[in-house]
Each structure stands twice: as structure tokens, then as C-alpha cells.
Amino acid sequence: MAADFLFDEEGELQLINRFAHAHAKGAGVLYEGRWRAASGSKSRPVKWGADFMRHAAYINTDFQAGERTWRISPRYQKRGWAAFWQNDEWWAEPVAPRI
């Protein structure tokens, strides 16, 4: 488990989620370990963190998401997964220009 933090001017503890090279790798708080079944027969690697979107690109290299930027692996693009973004938000209705 890793946590990257600092104390701000007011003395409040603040998580840092800006630096991918820091100990928590941009997640603020990052847990890396293994999940083990109650029977003890199966285990799998697990990760979770406070701000996981910044760290997700290191885990899933097939899909990377940002606020308005997405990247899809070429092997999925070949299967028709290239069209994923449409500018159809309710607040972005097209307006005809006035001349």
C-alpha cells in the first residue's frame, strides 16, 4: 500500500494524484496485493486506489480514458470499436450561425 500526500498551507492533509512516478502512481492512495478465495484454492492480483483513473492507463493498455480523450487499442479498432465518441451531450445542441 502506498499513499502520496502533503500538508497544505492550513495544515490539512491533501492526497497528491498528479505524479505517475510517485509511490502511489497517481492514484493518491494505491493498494496492490492479491485476492485469495475463502477456500484458499484461487488467488488473483488486485489493485485499487483513491483516484484510480490516473493509474488505470498502466493496468489496462487496451483502453485509456480521459475527460474527452479516449484511446482504443488497434486490435479492437479492427473489430469495429473505433467509433466511441459522439458530440451528443444535451448542453451542446447545434446552433445555426446567424449571418
C-alpha atoms as a PDB file:
ATOM      1  CA  MET A   1       0.000   0.000   0.000  1.00  0.00           C
ATOM      2  CA  ALA A   2       1.264   3.462  -0.856  1.00  0.00           C
ATOM      3  CA  ALA A   3      -0.018   6.984  -0.251  1.00  0.00           C
ATOM      4  CA  ASP A   4       1.274  10.277  -1.615  1.00  0.00           C
ATOM      5  CA  PHE A   5       0.230  13.331   0.360  1.00  0.00           C
ATOM      6  CA  LEU A   6       1.301  16.729   1.628  1.00  0.00           C
ATOM      7  CA  PHE A   7       0.154  19.241   4.199  1.00  0.00           C
ATOM      8  CA  ASP A   8      -1.298  22.400   2.656  1.00  0.00           C
ATOM      9  CA  GLU A   9      -0.946  25.966   3.983  1.00  0.00           C
ATOM     10  CA  GLU A  10      -3.758  25.381   6.505  1.00  0.00           C
ATOM     11  CA  GLY A  11      -2.100  22.218   7.791  1.00  0.00           C
ATOM     12  CA  GLU A  12      -4.712  19.967   6.154  1.00  0.00           C
ATOM     13  CA  LEU A  13      -3.636  16.648   4.713  1.00  0.00           C
ATOM     14  CA  GLN A  14      -4.083  16.532   0.916  1.00  0.00           C
ATOM     15  CA  LEU A  15      -3.656  13.489  -1.314  1.00  0.00           C
ATOM     16  CA  ILE A  16      -1.440  14.022  -4.348  1.00  0.00           C
ATOM     17  CA  ASN A  17      -2.715  12.396  -7.531  1.00  0.00           C
ATOM     18  CA  ARG A  18      -0.653  14.266 -10.110  1.00  0.00           C
ATOM     19  CA  PHE A  19       2.535  12.269 -10.333  1.00  0.00           C
ATOM     20  CA  ALA A  20       2.631   8.883 -12.029  1.00  0.00           C
ATOM     21  CA  HIS A  21       6.231   8.413 -10.875  1.00  0.00           C
ATOM     22  CA  ALA A  22       5.330   8.801  -7.162  1.00  0.00           C
ATOM     23  CA  HIS A  23       4.815   5.827  -4.849  1.00  0.00           C
ATOM     24  CA  ALA A  24       1.023   5.657  -5.355  1.00  0.00           C
ATOM     25  CA  LYS A  25       1.492   6.096  -9.134  1.00  0.00           C
ATOM     26  CA  GLY A  26      -1.001   8.930  -9.497  1.00  0.00           C
ATOM     27  CA  ALA A  27      -3.799   7.257  -7.525  1.00  0.00           C
ATOM     28  CA  GLY A  28      -3.265   9.252  -4.299  1.00  0.00           C
ATOM     29  CA  VAL A  29      -3.642   6.036  -2.302  1.00  0.00           C
ATOM     30  CA  LEU A  30      -2.882   2.770  -4.048  1.00  0.00           C
ATOM     31  CA  TYR A  31      -3.298  -0.765  -2.765  1.00  0.00           C
ATOM     32  CA  GLU A  32      -1.642  -3.603  -4.655  1.00  0.00           C
ATOM     33  CA  GLY A  33      -1.945  -7.158  -3.443  1.00  0.00           C
ATOM     34  CA  ARG A  34      -3.598 -10.494  -4.034  1.00  0.00           C
ATOM     35  CA  TRP A  35      -7.189 -11.546  -3.519  1.00  0.00           C
ATOM     36  CA  ARG A  36      -7.486 -15.060  -2.169  1.00  0.00           C
ATOM     37  CA  ALA A  37     -10.671 -17.149  -2.209  1.00  0.00           C
ATOM     38  CA  ALA A  38     -12.038 -18.227   1.166  1.00  0.00           C
ATOM     39  CA  SER A  39     -11.277 -21.823   0.191  1.00  0.00           C
ATOM     40  CA  GLY A  40      -7.679 -20.789  -0.425  1.00  0.00           C
ATOM     41  CA  SER A  41      -7.604 -22.527  -3.782  1.00  0.00           C
ATOM     42  CA  LYS A  42      -7.673 -19.439  -6.035  1.00  0.00           C
ATOM     43  CA  SER A  43      -5.932 -16.091  -5.934  1.00  0.00           C
ATOM     44  CA  ARG A  44      -5.766 -13.121  -8.279  1.00  0.00           C
ATOM     45  CA  PRO A  45      -3.834  -9.859  -8.334  1.00  0.00           C
ATOM     46  CA  VAL A  46      -5.857  -6.812  -7.251  1.00  0.00           C
ATOM     47  CA  LYS A  47      -5.347  -3.042  -7.244  1.00  0.00           C
ATOM     48  CA  TRP A  48      -7.471  -0.155  -6.130  1.00  0.00           C
ATOM     49  CA  GLY A  49      -6.887   3.463  -5.281  1.00  0.00           C
ATOM     50  CA  ALA A  50      -8.460   6.780  -4.360  1.00  0.00           C
ATOM     51  CA  ASP A  51      -8.119   8.406  -7.818  1.00  0.00           C
ATOM     52  CA  PHE A  52      -7.841   5.371  -9.982  1.00  0.00           C
ATOM     53  CA  MET A  53      -8.420   6.991 -13.394  1.00  0.00           C
ATOM     54  CA  ARG A  54      -4.868   8.346 -13.452  1.00  0.00           C
ATOM     55  CA  HIS A  55      -3.436   4.934 -12.682  1.00  0.00           C
ATOM     56  CA  ALA A  56      -5.783   2.902 -14.900  1.00  0.00           C
ATOM     57  CA  ALA A  57      -3.694   3.504 -18.026  1.00  0.00           C
ATOM     58  CA  TYR A  58      -0.894   1.430 -16.511  1.00  0.00           C
ATOM     59  CA  ILE A  59      -3.211  -1.510 -15.913  1.00  0.00           C
ATOM     60  CA  ASN A  60      -5.454  -1.644 -18.956  1.00  0.00           C
ATOM     61  CA  THR A  61      -3.439  -0.730 -22.027  1.00  0.00           C
ATOM     62  CA  ASP A  62      -6.242  -1.696 -24.441  1.00  0.00           C
ATOM     63  CA  PHE A  63      -8.492   1.210 -23.422  1.00  0.00           C
ATOM     64  CA  GLN A  64      -7.431   4.525 -21.931  1.00  0.00           C
ATOM     65  CA  ALA A  65      -9.965   7.117 -20.877  1.00  0.00           C
ATOM     66  CA  GLY A  66      -9.683  10.768 -20.065  1.00  0.00           C
ATOM     67  CA  GLU A  67     -12.271  13.502 -19.784  1.00  0.00           C
ATOM     68  CA  ARG A  68     -12.673  13.928 -23.541  1.00  0.00           C
ATOM     69  CA  THR A  69      -9.833  11.798 -24.819  1.00  0.00           C
ATOM     70  CA  TRP A  70     -10.016   8.071 -25.361  1.00  0.00           C
ATOM     71  CA  ARG A  71      -7.593   5.615 -26.855  1.00  0.00           C
ATOM     72  CA  ILE A  72      -8.577   2.193 -28.077  1.00  0.00           C
ATOM     73  CA  SER A  73      -6.006  -0.443 -28.948  1.00  0.00           C
ATOM     74  CA  PRO A  74      -5.632  -1.049 -32.705  1.00  0.00           C
ATOM     75  CA  ARG A  75      -6.573  -4.697 -32.238  1.00  0.00           C
ATOM     76  CA  TYR A  76     -10.032  -3.593 -31.017  1.00  0.00           C
ATOM     77  CA  GLN A  77     -10.310  -0.862 -33.651  1.00  0.00           C
ATOM     78  CA  LYS A  78     -10.019  -3.575 -36.327  1.00  0.00           C
ATOM     79  CA  ARG A  79     -13.109  -5.199 -34.808  1.00  0.00           C
ATOM     80  CA  GLY A  80     -15.203  -2.041 -35.130  1.00  0.00           C
ATOM     81  CA  TRP A  81     -14.582  -0.415 -31.747  1.00  0.00           C
ATOM     82  CA  ALA A  82     -13.174   2.795 -33.244  1.00  0.00           C
ATOM     83  CA  ALA A  83     -16.384   4.870 -33.151  1.00  0.00           C
ATOM     84  CA  PHE A  84     -16.922   5.562 -29.479  1.00  0.00           C
ATOM     85  CA  TRP A  85     -17.361   9.321 -29.123  1.00  0.00           C
ATOM     86  CA  GLN A  86     -20.276  11.365 -30.330  1.00  0.00           C
ATOM     87  CA  ASN A  87     -20.788  15.002 -29.503  1.00  0.00           C
ATOM     88  CA  ASP A  88     -24.404  14.491 -28.461  1.00  0.00           C
ATOM     89  CA  GLU A  89     -24.421  15.998 -24.988  1.00  0.00           C
ATOM     90  CA  TRP A  90     -27.625  17.723 -24.032  1.00  0.00           C
ATOM     91  CA  TRP A  91     -25.811  21.035 -23.496  1.00  0.00           C
ATOM     92  CA  ALA A  92     -24.128  21.013 -26.925  1.00  0.00           C
ATOM     93  CA  GLU A  93     -27.149  21.325 -29.200  1.00  0.00           C
ATOM     94  CA  PRO A  94     -26.115  22.505 -32.672  1.00  0.00           C
ATOM     95  CA  VAL A  95     -26.936  26.110 -33.348  1.00  0.00           C
ATOM     96  CA  ALA A  96     -27.263  27.541 -36.866  1.00  0.00           C
ATOM     97  CA  PRO A  97     -24.957  30.557 -37.281  1.00  0.00           C
ATOM     98  CA  ARG A  98     -26.556  33.943 -37.887  1.00  0.00           C
ATOM     99  CA  ILE A  99     -25.260  35.917 -40.834  1.00  0.00           C
END
